[in-house]
Amino acid sequence: MNELPDNADKHTRREFLRRVGSAAVATAAATAATEYLRRRALRAAPVVAEPAFGNYRTGVADKLALAENLDHAAAVRAAIGALGGMGAFISKGDVVLIKPNAGFDRPPWVGATTSGQVVGAVVTLCRQAGAAEVFVADYPINDPAGCFDRSGIGPAAKAAGAKLLLPRADEFETVRIGGRRLDVWKAYYKPFRHYRVNRVIGIPTAKTHARAVVSGAIKNWYGLLGGPRSMLHQDLEMVLADLCGMLKPTLIVMDGTRLLLRNGPTGGSRGDVKDAHRILAGTDQVAIDTLMAEWLDKDPAKIEWLHLAADAGLGTMDYNTKLVRAG
């Protein structure tokens, strides 16, 4: 740290203070300039949709269905069946994009990624309902091919008849999300346009998260964002609320077959994971994440982004008004 000598004269003192002040101003100016240029670059890039993504709902009654079964594919069928079956969400000729959590190059037992068995079961139901195409996509933190393979999501999706999309740089486009923090941002949007996706299913996994407290239905959409995602951590509460409003999914199938109770989102040891054999299906992401937080021994009342999303009219934290148990 710079210090002013005790015997410095007034001129020297003034010069010292001037230099320190100039350095501080320069640092602040550089930071402001960087943020300004980033925002200007985002706004200068072509915005391909206003707003991006949108509403993929089918008008199905907004209930939550919970099923528990050691056979996880059977649990998927039971939960979705309690909502009217996949035919209530997917029709003949639909183009479906499924967004699991494939964010890390981790084996299934760690609990950091969605179960491949659950993804395969959802793909199978979509195909049986008459979907023309089913795509499975995510933008993982680690190498996409490795993440999909090691998690088991890729092989299971392909075996069930889906096409796996590995993200490329040219598939990220600047889009208008229209949120309070996420207004204009780069997103993995081109495949939605290119393949004319008209139905979107989220299949998150239930886990704790070091920054967001929990990661589930809403946090799962973070995997559609490109650009400098680490910058969003400064306003993560507002970002997550914006993600809840970014798109209205056709369906959410929460993978609660095992719960990552500690050291999320990446996990670390078998002791962090609890087998639960649960599937929760519905369309209210706020309600789903509220119940999921309780599964993870977290207090939803203390999760700010859930309140922000609920206050914005994007869902309810009172999941008991919607919950049904599947047989």
C-alpha atoms as a PDB file:
ATOM      1  CA  MET A   1       0.000   0.000   0.000  1.00  0.00           C
ATOM      2  CA  ASN A   2       1.308   3.488  -0.848  1.00  0.00           C
ATOM      3  CA  GLU A   3       2.001   5.687   2.148  1.00  0.00           C
ATOM      4  CA  LEU A   4       2.838   9.377   2.340  1.00  0.00           C
ATOM      5  CA  PRO A   5       6.112  10.140   4.187  1.00  0.00           C
ATOM      6  CA  ASP A   6       5.667  12.027   7.446  1.00  0.00           C
ATOM      7  CA  ASN A   7       8.123  14.712   6.354  1.00  0.00           C
ATOM      8  CA  ALA A   8       6.569  15.375   2.995  1.00  0.00           C
ATOM      9  CA  ASP A   9       5.927  19.030   2.188  1.00  0.00           C
ATOM     10  CA  LYS A  10       2.517  20.352   1.151  1.00  0.00           C
ATOM     11  CA  HIS A  11       3.367  20.220  -2.542  1.00  0.00           C
ATOM     12  CA  THR A  12       4.476  16.605  -2.309  1.00  0.00           C
ATOM     13  CA  ARG A  13       1.383  15.746  -0.302  1.00  0.00           C
ATOM     14  CA  ARG A  14      -0.902  17.328  -2.884  1.00  0.00           C
ATOM     15  CA  GLU A  15       0.895  15.517  -5.693  1.00  0.00           C
ATOM     16  CA  PHE A  16       0.608  12.178  -3.857  1.00  0.00           C
ATOM     17  CA  LEU A  17      -3.117  12.610  -3.288  1.00  0.00           C
ATOM     18  CA  ARG A  18      -3.614  13.652  -6.891  1.00  0.00           C
ATOM     19  CA  ARG A  19      -1.906  10.514  -8.153  1.00  0.00           C
ATOM     20  CA  VAL A  20      -3.826   8.213  -5.811  1.00  0.00           C
ATOM     21  CA  GLY A  21      -7.087   9.875  -6.763  1.00  0.00           C
ATOM     22  CA  SER A  22      -6.269   9.639 -10.458  1.00  0.00           C
ATOM     23  CA  ALA A  23      -5.495   5.932 -10.134  1.00  0.00           C
ATOM     24  CA  ALA A  24      -8.801   5.267  -8.369  1.00  0.00           C
ATOM     25  CA  VAL A  25     -10.720   7.207 -10.989  1.00  0.00           C
ATOM     26  CA  ALA A  26      -8.910   5.356 -13.767  1.00  0.00           C
ATOM     27  CA  THR A  27      -9.754   1.971 -12.232  1.00  0.00           C
ATOM     28  CA  ALA A  28     -13.412   2.874 -11.812  1.00  0.00           C
ATOM     29  CA  ALA A  29     -13.533   4.276 -15.329  1.00  0.00           C
ATOM     30  CA  ALA A  30     -11.994   1.106 -16.786  1.00  0.00           C
ATOM     31  CA  THR A  31     -14.545  -1.061 -14.971  1.00  0.00           C
ATOM     32  CA  ALA A  32     -17.415   1.129 -16.146  1.00  0.00           C
ATOM     33  CA  ALA A  33     -16.047   1.177 -19.682  1.00  0.00           C
ATOM     34  CA  THR A  34     -15.818  -2.627 -19.791  1.00  0.00           C
ATOM     35  CA  GLU A  35     -19.413  -2.994 -18.622  1.00  0.00           C
ATOM     36  CA  TYR A  36     -20.562  -0.313 -21.087  1.00  0.00           C
ATOM     37  CA  LEU A  37     -18.825  -2.004 -24.014  1.00  0.00           C
ATOM     38  CA  ARG A  38     -20.268  -5.376 -23.039  1.00  0.00           C
ATOM     39  CA  ARG A  39     -23.776  -4.006 -22.907  1.00  0.00           C
ATOM     40  CA  ARG A  40     -23.302  -2.067 -26.141  1.00  0.00           C
ATOM     41  CA  ALA A  41     -21.993  -5.172 -27.911  1.00  0.00           C
ATOM     42  CA  LEU A  42     -25.006  -7.187 -26.787  1.00  0.00           C
ATOM     43  CA  ARG A  43     -27.409  -4.509 -27.943  1.00  0.00           C
ATOM     44  CA  ALA A  44     -25.552  -3.914 -31.210  1.00  0.00           C
ATOM     45  CA  ALA A  45     -25.750  -7.593 -32.183  1.00  0.00           C
ATOM     46  CA  PRO A  46     -28.851  -8.614 -34.140  1.00  0.00           C
ATOM     47  CA  VAL A  47     -31.681  -9.571 -31.817  1.00  0.00           C
ATOM     48  CA  VAL A  48     -33.332 -12.583 -33.381  1.00  0.00           C
ATOM     49  CA  ALA A  49     -36.520 -12.694 -31.355  1.00  0.00           C
ATOM     50  CA  GLU A  50     -38.601 -10.334 -29.230  1.00  0.00           C
ATOM     51  CA  PRO A  51     -38.888 -11.956 -26.836  1.00  0.00           C
ATOM     52  CA  ALA A  52     -36.951 -15.191 -27.298  1.00  0.00           C
ATOM     53  CA  PHE A  53     -38.373 -18.592 -26.442  1.00  0.00           C
ATOM     54  CA  GLY A  54     -41.928 -17.919 -25.186  1.00  0.00           C
ATOM     55  CA  ASN A  55     -44.944 -20.038 -24.355  1.00  0.00           C
ATOM     56  CA  TYR A  56     -44.824 -23.783 -25.059  1.00  0.00           C
ATOM     57  CA  ARG A  57     -47.834 -24.691 -22.915  1.00  0.00           C
ATOM     58  CA  THR A  58     -50.756 -26.779 -24.118  1.00  0.00           C
ATOM     59  CA  GLY A  59     -53.488 -25.543 -21.799  1.00  0.00           C
ATOM     60  CA  VAL A  60     -53.325 -28.589 -19.517  1.00  0.00           C
ATOM     61  CA  ALA A  61     -54.627 -28.020 -15.978  1.00  0.00           C
ATOM     62  CA  ASP A  62     -51.807 -26.780 -13.761  1.00  0.00           C
ATOM     63  CA  LYS A  63     -51.485 -29.639 -11.269  1.00  0.00           C
ATOM     64  CA  LEU A  64     -48.427 -31.300  -9.751  1.00  0.00           C
ATOM     65  CA  ALA A  65     -48.215 -35.083  -9.710  1.00  0.00           C
ATOM     66  CA  LEU A  66     -45.843 -36.970  -7.426  1.00  0.00           C
ATOM     67  CA  ALA A  67     -44.973 -40.625  -7.984  1.00  0.00           C
ATOM     68  CA  GLU A  68     -42.589 -42.878  -6.053  1.00  0.00           C
ATOM     69  CA  ASN A  69     -41.320 -46.177  -7.386  1.00  0.00           C
ATOM     70  CA  LEU A  70     -38.066 -48.135  -7.343  1.00  0.00           C
ATOM     71  CA  ASP A  71     -38.645 -48.517 -11.088  1.00  0.00           C
ATOM     72  CA  HIS A  72     -37.927 -44.951 -12.162  1.00  0.00           C
ATOM     73  CA  ALA A  73     -39.384 -45.328 -15.649  1.00  0.00           C
ATOM     74  CA  ALA A  74     -42.604 -46.546 -14.032  1.00  0.00           C
ATOM     75  CA  ALA A  75     -42.561 -43.514 -11.744  1.00  0.00           C
ATOM     76  CA  VAL A  76     -42.251 -41.231 -14.790  1.00  0.00           C
ATOM     77  CA  ARG A  77     -45.226 -42.931 -16.442  1.00  0.00           C
ATOM     78  CA  ALA A  78     -47.297 -42.716 -13.261  1.00  0.00           C
ATOM     79  CA  ALA A  79     -46.616 -39.027 -12.607  1.00  0.00           C
ATOM     80  CA  ILE A  80     -47.331 -37.959 -16.180  1.00  0.00           C
ATOM     81  CA  GLY A  81     -50.292 -40.325 -16.321  1.00  0.00           C
ATOM     82  CA  ALA A  82     -51.841 -38.550 -13.332  1.00  0.00           C
ATOM     83  CA  LEU A  83     -51.756 -35.336 -15.388  1.00  0.00           C
ATOM     84  CA  GLY A  84     -53.623 -36.925 -18.275  1.00  0.00           C
ATOM     85  CA  GLY A  85     -50.761 -38.774 -19.949  1.00  0.00           C
ATOM     86  CA  MET A  86     -48.144 -37.466 -22.350  1.00  0.00           C
ATOM     87  CA  GLY A  87     -50.849 -37.124 -24.983  1.00  0.00           C
ATOM     88  CA  ALA A  88     -52.182 -34.167 -23.011  1.00  0.00           C
ATOM     89  CA  PHE A  89     -48.890 -32.363 -23.650  1.00  0.00           C
ATOM     90  CA  ILE A  90     -47.533 -33.751 -26.921  1.00  0.00           C
ATOM     91  CA  SER A  91     -49.498 -34.237 -30.129  1.00  0.00           C
ATOM     92  CA  LYS A  92     -48.754 -35.975 -33.405  1.00  0.00           C
ATOM     93  CA  GLY A  93     -46.226 -33.982 -35.428  1.00  0.00           C
ATOM     94  CA  ASP A  94     -44.848 -31.922 -32.526  1.00  0.00           C
ATOM     95  CA  VAL A  95     -41.157 -31.108 -32.418  1.00  0.00           C
ATOM     96  CA  VAL A  96     -39.962 -31.526 -28.838  1.00  0.00           C
ATOM     97  CA  LEU A  97     -36.793 -30.240 -27.206  1.00  0.00           C
ATOM     98  CA  ILE A  98     -35.908 -31.833 -23.875  1.00  0.00           C
ATOM     99  CA  LYS A  99     -33.574 -29.918 -21.568  1.00  0.00           C
ATOM    100  CA  PRO A 100     -32.000 -32.129 -18.885  1.00  0.00           C
ATOM    101  CA  ASN A 101     -29.249 -31.048 -16.519  1.00  0.00           C
ATOM    102  CA  ALA A 102     -26.096 -32.425 -18.139  1.00  0.00           C
ATOM    103  CA  GLY A 103     -23.874 -29.690 -16.798  1.00  0.00           C
ATOM    104  CA  PHE A 104     -20.949 -31.717 -15.476  1.00  0.00           C
ATOM    105  CA  ASP A 105     -18.758 -34.623 -16.529  1.00  0.00           C
ATOM    106  CA  ARG A 106     -19.875 -36.775 -13.603  1.00  0.00           C
ATOM    107  CA  PRO A 107     -21.171 -40.345 -13.246  1.00  0.00           C
ATOM    108  CA  PRO A 108     -24.878 -40.825 -12.423  1.00  0.00           C
ATOM    109  CA  TRP A 109     -24.384 -41.798  -8.775  1.00  0.00           C
ATOM    110  CA  VAL A 110     -22.956 -38.344  -7.930  1.00  0.00           C
ATOM    111  CA  GLY A 111     -26.404 -36.772  -8.381  1.00  0.00           C
ATOM    112  CA  ALA A 112     -25.077 -33.742 -10.268  1.00  0.00           C
ATOM    113  CA  THR A 113     -26.876 -34.568 -13.513  1.00  0.00           C
ATOM    114  CA  THR A 114     -30.287 -35.819 -14.552  1.00  0.00           C
ATOM    115  CA  SER A 115     -30.803 -39.570 -14.569  1.00  0.00           C
ATOM    116  CA  GLY A 116     -30.429 -41.088 -18.015  1.00  0.00           C
ATOM    117  CA  GLN A 117     -33.205 -43.555 -17.184  1.00  0.00           C
ATOM    118  CA  VAL A 118     -35.609 -40.687 -16.487  1.00  0.00           C
ATOM    119  CA  VAL A 119     -34.642 -38.911 -19.729  1.00  0.00           C
ATOM    120  CA  GLY A 120     -35.108 -42.107 -21.709  1.00  0.00           C
ATOM    121  CA  ALA A 121     -38.554 -42.683 -20.201  1.00  0.00           C
ATOM    122  CA  VAL A 122     -39.697 -39.161 -21.135  1.00  0.00           C
ATOM    123  CA  VAL A 123     -38.344 -39.515 -24.681  1.00  0.00           C
ATOM    124  CA  THR A 124     -40.208 -42.822 -25.063  1.00  0.00           C
ATOM    125  CA  LEU A 125     -43.484 -41.241 -23.954  1.00  0.00           C
ATOM    126  CA  CYS A 126     -43.006 -38.344 -26.393  1.00  0.00           C
ATOM    127  CA  ARG A 127     -42.431 -40.748 -29.269  1.00  0.00           C
ATOM    128  CA  GLN A 128     -45.453 -42.811 -28.270  1.00  0.00           C
ATOM    129  CA  ALA A 129     -47.556 -39.637 -28.235  1.00  0.00           C
ATOM    130  CA  GLY A 130     -46.648 -39.017 -31.873  1.00  0.00           C
ATOM    131  CA  ALA A 131     -43.849 -36.464 -31.697  1.00  0.00           C
ATOM    132  CA  ALA A 132     -42.231 -36.051 -35.120  1.00  0.00           C
ATOM    133  CA  GLU A 133     -38.832 -35.250 -33.617  1.00  0.00           C
ATOM    134  CA  VAL A 134     -37.406 -35.319 -30.093  1.00  0.00           C
ATOM    135  CA  PHE A 135     -34.158 -33.482 -29.377  1.00  0.00           C
ATOM    136  CA  VAL A 136     -32.137 -33.560 -26.161  1.00  0.00           C
ATOM    137  CA  ALA A 137     -29.915 -30.545 -25.583  1.00  0.00           C
ATOM    138  CA  ASP A 138     -27.905 -28.712 -22.942  1.00  0.00           C
ATOM    139  CA  TYR A 139     -24.894 -26.386 -22.749  1.00  0.00           C
ATOM    140  CA  PRO A 140     -22.753 -28.041 -20.068  1.00  0.00           C
ATOM    141  CA  ILE A 141     -19.980 -26.480 -18.027  1.00  0.00           C
ATOM    142  CA  ASN A 142     -17.574 -29.264 -19.048  1.00  0.00           C
ATOM    143  CA  ASP A 143     -17.070 -30.826 -22.493  1.00  0.00           C
ATOM    144  CA  PRO A 144     -20.594 -31.517 -23.818  1.00  0.00           C
ATOM    145  CA  ALA A 145     -19.841 -34.895 -25.395  1.00  0.00           C
ATOM    146  CA  GLY A 146     -18.170 -36.117 -22.221  1.00  0.00           C
ATOM    147  CA  CYS A 147     -20.969 -34.828 -20.012  1.00  0.00           C
ATOM    148  CA  PHE A 148     -23.726 -36.493 -22.009  1.00  0.00           C
ATOM    149  CA  ASP A 149     -21.807 -39.745 -22.248  1.00  0.00           C
ATOM    150  CA  ARG A 150     -20.576 -40.103 -18.664  1.00  0.00           C
ATOM    151  CA  SER A 151     -23.896 -39.050 -17.116  1.00  0.00           C
ATOM    152  CA  GLY A 152     -25.685 -41.701 -19.166  1.00  0.00           C
ATOM    153  CA  ILE A 153     -28.070 -39.098 -20.638  1.00  0.00           C
ATOM    154  CA  GLY A 154     -26.722 -39.338 -24.183  1.00  0.00           C
ATOM    155  CA  PRO A 155     -26.879 -43.133 -24.576  1.00  0.00           C
ATOM    156  CA  ALA A 156     -30.323 -43.309 -22.931  1.00  0.00           C
ATOM    157  CA  ALA A 157     -31.740 -40.527 -25.105  1.00  0.00           C
ATOM    158  CA  LYS A 158     -30.464 -42.111 -28.309  1.00  0.00           C
ATOM    159  CA  ALA A 159     -31.695 -45.564 -27.329  1.00  0.00           C
ATOM    160  CA  ALA A 160     -35.188 -44.146 -26.796  1.00  0.00           C
ATOM    161  CA  GLY A 161     -35.241 -42.478 -30.213  1.00  0.00           C
ATOM    162  CA  ALA A 162     -34.090 -38.908 -29.538  1.00  0.00           C
ATOM    163  CA  LYS A 163     -31.435 -36.913 -31.350  1.00  0.00           C
ATOM    164  CA  LEU A 164     -28.671 -35.510 -29.174  1.00  0.00           C
ATOM    165  CA  LEU A 165     -27.639 -31.911 -29.871  1.00  0.00           C
ATOM    166  CA  LEU A 166     -24.108 -30.898 -28.906  1.00  0.00           C
ATOM    167  CA  PRO A 167     -23.887 -27.086 -28.774  1.00  0.00           C
ATOM    168  CA  ARG A 168     -21.694 -25.177 -31.244  1.00  0.00           C
ATOM    169  CA  ALA A 169     -20.554 -21.565 -30.960  1.00  0.00           C
ATOM    170  CA  ASP A 170     -22.513 -20.487 -34.039  1.00  0.00           C
ATOM    171  CA  GLU A 171     -25.773 -21.702 -32.467  1.00  0.00           C
ATOM    172  CA  PHE A 172     -25.754 -18.997 -29.787  1.00  0.00           C
ATOM    173  CA  GLU A 173     -27.649 -15.870 -30.768  1.00  0.00           C
ATOM    174  CA  THR A 174     -28.319 -12.572 -29.086  1.00  0.00           C
ATOM    175  CA  VAL A 175     -31.937 -12.645 -27.987  1.00  0.00           C
ATOM    176  CA  ARG A 176     -34.275 -10.408 -26.086  1.00  0.00           C
ATOM    177  CA  ILE A 177     -35.305 -12.189 -22.926  1.00  0.00           C
ATOM    178  CA  GLY A 178     -37.016  -9.130 -21.480  1.00  0.00           C
ATOM    179  CA  GLY A 179     -36.209  -9.733 -17.814  1.00  0.00           C
ATOM    180  CA  ARG A 180     -35.280  -7.130 -15.256  1.00  0.00           C
ATOM    181  CA  ARG A 181     -31.668  -8.362 -15.191  1.00  0.00           C
ATOM    182  CA  LEU A 182     -31.700 -10.607 -18.246  1.00  0.00           C
ATOM    183  CA  ASP A 183     -32.898  -8.190 -20.907  1.00  0.00           C
ATOM    184  CA  VAL A 184     -30.650  -8.928 -23.882  1.00  0.00           C
ATOM    185  CA  TRP A 185     -28.279 -11.884 -23.718  1.00  0.00           C
ATOM    186  CA  LYS A 186     -26.676 -14.610 -25.805  1.00  0.00           C
ATOM    187  CA  ALA A 187     -28.557 -17.871 -25.655  1.00  0.00           C
ATOM    188  CA  TYR A 188     -28.591 -21.322 -27.213  1.00  0.00           C
ATOM    189  CA  TYR A 189     -31.516 -20.354 -29.398  1.00  0.00           C
ATOM    190  CA  LYS A 190     -30.705 -21.244 -33.006  1.00  0.00           C
ATOM    191  CA  PRO A 191     -31.737 -24.919 -32.674  1.00  0.00           C
ATOM    192  CA  PHE A 192     -35.168 -23.791 -31.471  1.00  0.00           C
ATOM    193  CA  ARG A 193     -35.636 -21.813 -34.686  1.00  0.00           C
ATOM    194  CA  HIS A 194     -33.826 -24.194 -37.022  1.00  0.00           C
ATOM    195  CA  TYR A 195     -35.810 -27.262 -35.978  1.00  0.00           C
ATOM    196  CA  ARG A 196     -39.038 -25.303 -35.391  1.00  0.00           C
ATOM    197  CA  VAL A 197     -39.381 -26.547 -31.838  1.00  0.00           C
ATOM    198  CA  ASN A 198     -42.939 -26.098 -30.539  1.00  0.00           C
ATOM    199  CA  ARG A 199     -42.773 -28.105 -27.285  1.00  0.00           C
ATOM    200  CA  VAL A 200     -40.166 -27.866 -24.509  1.00  0.00           C
ATOM    201  CA  ILE A 201     -39.786 -30.260 -21.577  1.00  0.00           C
ATOM    202  CA  GLY A 202     -37.419 -29.576 -18.709  1.00  0.00           C
ATOM    203  CA  ILE A 203     -35.972 -32.544 -16.798  1.00  0.00           C
ATOM    204  CA  PRO A 204     -33.909 -31.083 -13.958  1.00  0.00           C
ATOM    205  CA  THR A 205     -32.362 -33.045 -11.143  1.00  0.00           C
ATOM    206  CA  ALA A 206     -32.921 -32.154  -7.484  1.00  0.00           C
ATOM    207  CA  LYS A 207     -29.758 -30.837  -5.854  1.00  0.00           C
ATOM    208  CA  THR A 208     -28.306 -28.214  -3.596  1.00  0.00           C
ATOM    209  CA  HIS A 209     -26.379 -25.307  -5.072  1.00  0.00           C
ATOM    210  CA  ALA A 210     -23.613 -23.277  -3.457  1.00  0.00           C
ATOM    211  CA  ARG A 211     -24.891 -19.938  -4.768  1.00  0.00           C
ATOM    212  CA  ALA A 212     -28.597 -20.487  -5.456  1.00  0.00           C
ATOM    213  CA  VAL A 213     -29.270 -22.725  -2.398  1.00  0.00           C
ATOM    214  CA  VAL A 214     -31.035 -25.268  -4.644  1.00  0.00           C
ATOM    215  CA  SER A 215     -30.997 -26.110  -8.337  1.00  0.00           C
ATOM    216  CA  GLY A 216     -34.101 -27.468  -9.991  1.00  0.00           C
ATOM    217  CA  ALA A 217     -36.696 -26.544 -12.599  1.00  0.00           C
ATOM    218  CA  ILE A 218     -35.848 -22.846 -12.852  1.00  0.00           C
ATOM    219  CA  LYS A 219     -32.066 -23.064 -12.503  1.00  0.00           C
ATOM    220  CA  ASN A 220     -32.066 -25.729 -15.231  1.00  0.00           C
ATOM    221  CA  TRP A 221     -32.733 -23.036 -17.868  1.00  0.00           C
ATOM    222  CA  TYR A 222     -29.376 -21.455 -16.994  1.00  0.00           C
ATOM    223  CA  GLY A 223     -27.980 -24.089 -19.337  1.00  0.00           C
ATOM    224  CA  LEU A 224     -29.557 -22.268 -22.293  1.00  0.00           C
ATOM    225  CA  LEU A 225     -27.497 -19.136 -21.676  1.00  0.00           C
ATOM    226  CA  GLY A 226     -24.215 -18.377 -23.396  1.00  0.00           C
ATOM    227  CA  GLY A 227     -21.914 -15.407 -23.042  1.00  0.00           C
ATOM    228  CA  PRO A 228     -20.066 -14.573 -19.816  1.00  0.00           C
ATOM    229  CA  ARG A 229     -22.395 -16.483 -17.504  1.00  0.00           C
ATOM    230  CA  SER A 230     -20.132 -15.921 -14.499  1.00  0.00           C
ATOM    231  CA  MET A 231     -21.030 -12.222 -14.609  1.00  0.00           C
ATOM    232  CA  LEU A 232     -24.628 -13.140 -13.829  1.00  0.00           C
ATOM    233  CA  HIS A 233     -23.652 -14.508 -10.421  1.00  0.00           C
ATOM    234  CA  GLN A 234     -23.569 -10.956  -9.070  1.00  0.00           C
ATOM    235  CA  ASP A 235     -27.337 -10.719  -9.562  1.00  0.00           C
ATOM    236  CA  LEU A 236     -28.218 -14.404  -9.408  1.00  0.00           C
ATOM    237  CA  GLU A 237     -31.461 -13.947  -7.450  1.00  0.00           C
ATOM    238  CA  MET A 238     -32.911 -11.650 -10.119  1.00  0.00           C
ATOM    239  CA  VAL A 239     -31.456 -13.738 -12.949  1.00  0.00           C
ATOM    240  CA  LEU A 240     -33.226 -16.865 -11.700  1.00  0.00           C
ATOM    241  CA  ALA A 241     -36.513 -15.006 -11.421  1.00  0.00           C
ATOM    242  CA  ASP A 242     -36.006 -13.820 -15.009  1.00  0.00           C
ATOM    243  CA  LEU A 243     -35.279 -17.382 -16.140  1.00  0.00           C
ATOM    244  CA  CYS A 244     -38.608 -18.466 -14.695  1.00  0.00           C
ATOM    245  CA  GLY A 245     -40.295 -15.985 -17.009  1.00  0.00           C
ATOM    246  CA  MET A 246     -38.028 -16.620 -20.006  1.00  0.00           C
ATOM    247  CA  LEU A 247     -40.116 -19.504 -21.260  1.00  0.00           C
ATOM    248  CA  LYS A 248     -43.248 -21.344 -20.202  1.00  0.00           C
ATOM    249  CA  PRO A 249     -42.387 -25.035 -20.594  1.00  0.00           C
ATOM    250  CA  THR A 250     -44.770 -27.624 -21.912  1.00  0.00           C
ATOM    251  CA  LEU A 251     -43.912 -29.806 -18.935  1.00  0.00           C
ATOM    252  CA  ILE A 252     -41.404 -30.186 -16.115  1.00  0.00           C
ATOM    253  CA  VAL A 253     -40.393 -33.667 -14.999  1.00  0.00           C
ATOM    254  CA  MET A 254     -38.380 -33.266 -11.797  1.00  0.00           C
ATOM    255  CA  ASP A 255     -35.879 -36.073 -11.306  1.00  0.00           C
ATOM    256  CA  GLY A 256     -35.947 -36.794  -7.582  1.00  0.00           C
ATOM    257  CA  THR A 257     -34.753 -40.353  -7.949  1.00  0.00           C
ATOM    258  CA  ARG A 258     -31.702 -39.352  -5.910  1.00  0.00           C
ATOM    259  CA  LEU A 259     -31.163 -36.096  -4.055  1.00  0.00           C
ATOM    260  CA  LEU A 260     -27.832 -34.289  -3.892  1.00  0.00           C
ATOM    261  CA  LEU A 261     -28.104 -32.973  -0.338  1.00  0.00           C
ATOM    262  CA  ARG A 262     -24.612 -31.508   0.029  1.00  0.00           C
ATOM    263  CA  ASN A 263     -21.758 -30.115  -2.072  1.00  0.00           C
ATOM    264  CA  GLY A 264     -23.990 -29.122  -4.968  1.00  0.00           C
ATOM    265  CA  PRO A 265     -24.037 -28.479  -7.787  1.00  0.00           C
ATOM    266  CA  THR A 266     -21.166 -30.837  -8.633  1.00  0.00           C
ATOM    267  CA  GLY A 267     -21.325 -33.311  -5.751  1.00  0.00           C
ATOM    268  CA  GLY A 268     -18.374 -35.227  -4.446  1.00  0.00           C
ATOM    269  CA  SER A 269     -19.083 -38.391  -2.523  1.00  0.00           C
ATOM    270  CA  ARG A 270     -21.750 -41.039  -2.097  1.00  0.00           C
ATOM    271  CA  GLY A 271     -22.478 -39.656   1.336  1.00  0.00           C
ATOM    272  CA  ASP A 272     -23.813 -36.458  -0.283  1.00  0.00           C
ATOM    273  CA  VAL A 273     -26.563 -38.375  -2.082  1.00  0.00           C
ATOM    274  CA  LYS A 274     -29.832 -39.798  -0.802  1.00  0.00           C
ATOM    275  CA  ASP A 275     -31.896 -42.273  -2.824  1.00  0.00           C
ATOM    276  CA  ALA A 276     -35.498 -41.031  -2.989  1.00  0.00           C
ATOM    277  CA  HIS A 277     -37.038 -42.707  -6.101  1.00  0.00           C
ATOM    278  CA  ARG A 278     -39.386 -39.736  -6.723  1.00  0.00           C
ATOM    279  CA  ILE A 279     -40.699 -38.072  -9.851  1.00  0.00           C
ATOM    280  CA  LEU A 280     -42.625 -34.795  -9.731  1.00  0.00           C
ATOM    281  CA  ALA A 281     -44.374 -33.586 -12.890  1.00  0.00           C
ATOM    282  CA  GLY A 282     -46.223 -30.355 -13.648  1.00  0.00           C
ATOM    283  CA  THR A 283     -45.912 -26.932 -15.221  1.00  0.00           C
ATOM    284  CA  ASP A 284     -45.663 -24.570 -12.228  1.00  0.00           C
ATOM    285  CA  GLN A 285     -41.918 -24.193 -11.820  1.00  0.00           C
ATOM    286  CA  VAL A 286     -42.188 -22.165  -8.624  1.00  0.00           C
ATOM    287  CA  ALA A 287     -44.339 -24.811  -6.940  1.00  0.00           C
ATOM    288  CA  ILE A 288     -42.051 -27.607  -8.146  1.00  0.00           C
ATOM    289  CA  ASP A 289     -38.901 -25.907  -6.855  1.00  0.00           C
ATOM    290  CA  THR A 290     -40.572 -25.053  -3.551  1.00  0.00           C
ATOM    291  CA  LEU A 291     -41.380 -28.705  -2.858  1.00  0.00           C
ATOM    292  CA  MET A 292     -37.972 -29.790  -4.134  1.00  0.00           C
ATOM    293  CA  ALA A 293     -36.268 -27.386  -1.704  1.00  0.00           C
ATOM    294  CA  GLU A 294     -38.056 -29.125   1.158  1.00  0.00           C
ATOM    295  CA  TRP A 295     -36.822 -32.490  -0.128  1.00  0.00           C
ATOM    296  CA  LEU A 296     -33.298 -31.072   0.185  1.00  0.00           C
ATOM    297  CA  ASP A 297     -33.921 -29.873   3.753  1.00  0.00           C
ATOM    298  CA  LYS A 298     -33.886 -26.209   2.703  1.00  0.00           C
ATOM    299  CA  ASP A 299     -36.420 -23.596   3.823  1.00  0.00           C
ATOM    300  CA  PRO A 300     -38.179 -22.149   0.732  1.00  0.00           C
ATOM    301  CA  ALA A 301     -39.124 -19.057   2.746  1.00  0.00           C
ATOM    302  CA  LYS A 302     -35.422 -18.144   2.789  1.00  0.00           C
ATOM    303  CA  ILE A 303     -34.863 -18.531  -0.965  1.00  0.00           C
ATOM    304  CA  GLU A 304     -35.204 -15.030  -2.394  1.00  0.00           C
ATOM    305  CA  TRP A 305     -35.487 -15.947  -6.080  1.00  0.00           C
ATOM    306  CA  LEU A 306     -38.494 -18.168  -5.376  1.00  0.00           C
ATOM    307  CA  HIS A 307     -40.249 -15.198  -3.779  1.00  0.00           C
ATOM    308  CA  LEU A 308     -39.280 -12.926  -6.686  1.00  0.00           C
ATOM    309  CA  ALA A 309     -40.726 -15.386  -9.213  1.00  0.00           C
ATOM    310  CA  ALA A 310     -43.899 -15.873  -7.186  1.00  0.00           C
ATOM    311  CA  ASP A 311     -44.330 -12.111  -6.701  1.00  0.00           C
ATOM    312  CA  ALA A 312     -43.995 -11.683 -10.472  1.00  0.00           C
ATOM    313  CA  GLY A 313     -46.991 -13.985 -10.951  1.00  0.00           C
ATOM    314  CA  LEU A 314     -44.916 -16.805 -12.456  1.00  0.00           C
ATOM    315  CA  GLY A 315     -46.133 -19.495 -10.053  1.00  0.00           C
ATOM    316  CA  THR A 316     -47.087 -20.234  -6.479  1.00  0.00           C
ATOM    317  CA  MET A 317     -45.052 -21.415  -3.504  1.00  0.00           C
ATOM    318  CA  ASP A 318     -48.203 -23.004  -2.059  1.00  0.00           C
ATOM    319  CA  TYR A 319     -47.740 -26.328  -3.835  1.00  0.00           C
ATOM    320  CA  ASN A 320     -50.315 -28.102  -1.631  1.00  0.00           C
ATOM    321  CA  THR A 321     -53.110 -26.458  -3.624  1.00  0.00           C
ATOM    322  CA  LYS A 322     -51.954 -28.343  -6.732  1.00  0.00           C
ATOM    323  CA  LEU A 323     -50.368 -31.573  -5.527  1.00  0.00           C
ATOM    324  CA  VAL A 324     -51.806 -34.980  -6.348  1.00  0.00           C
ATOM    325  CA  ARG A 325     -50.193 -38.336  -5.642  1.00  0.00           C
ATOM    326  CA  ALA A 326     -49.981 -40.794  -8.502  1.00  0.00           C
ATOM    327  CA  GLY A 327     -50.887 -44.384  -7.884  1.00  0.00           C
END
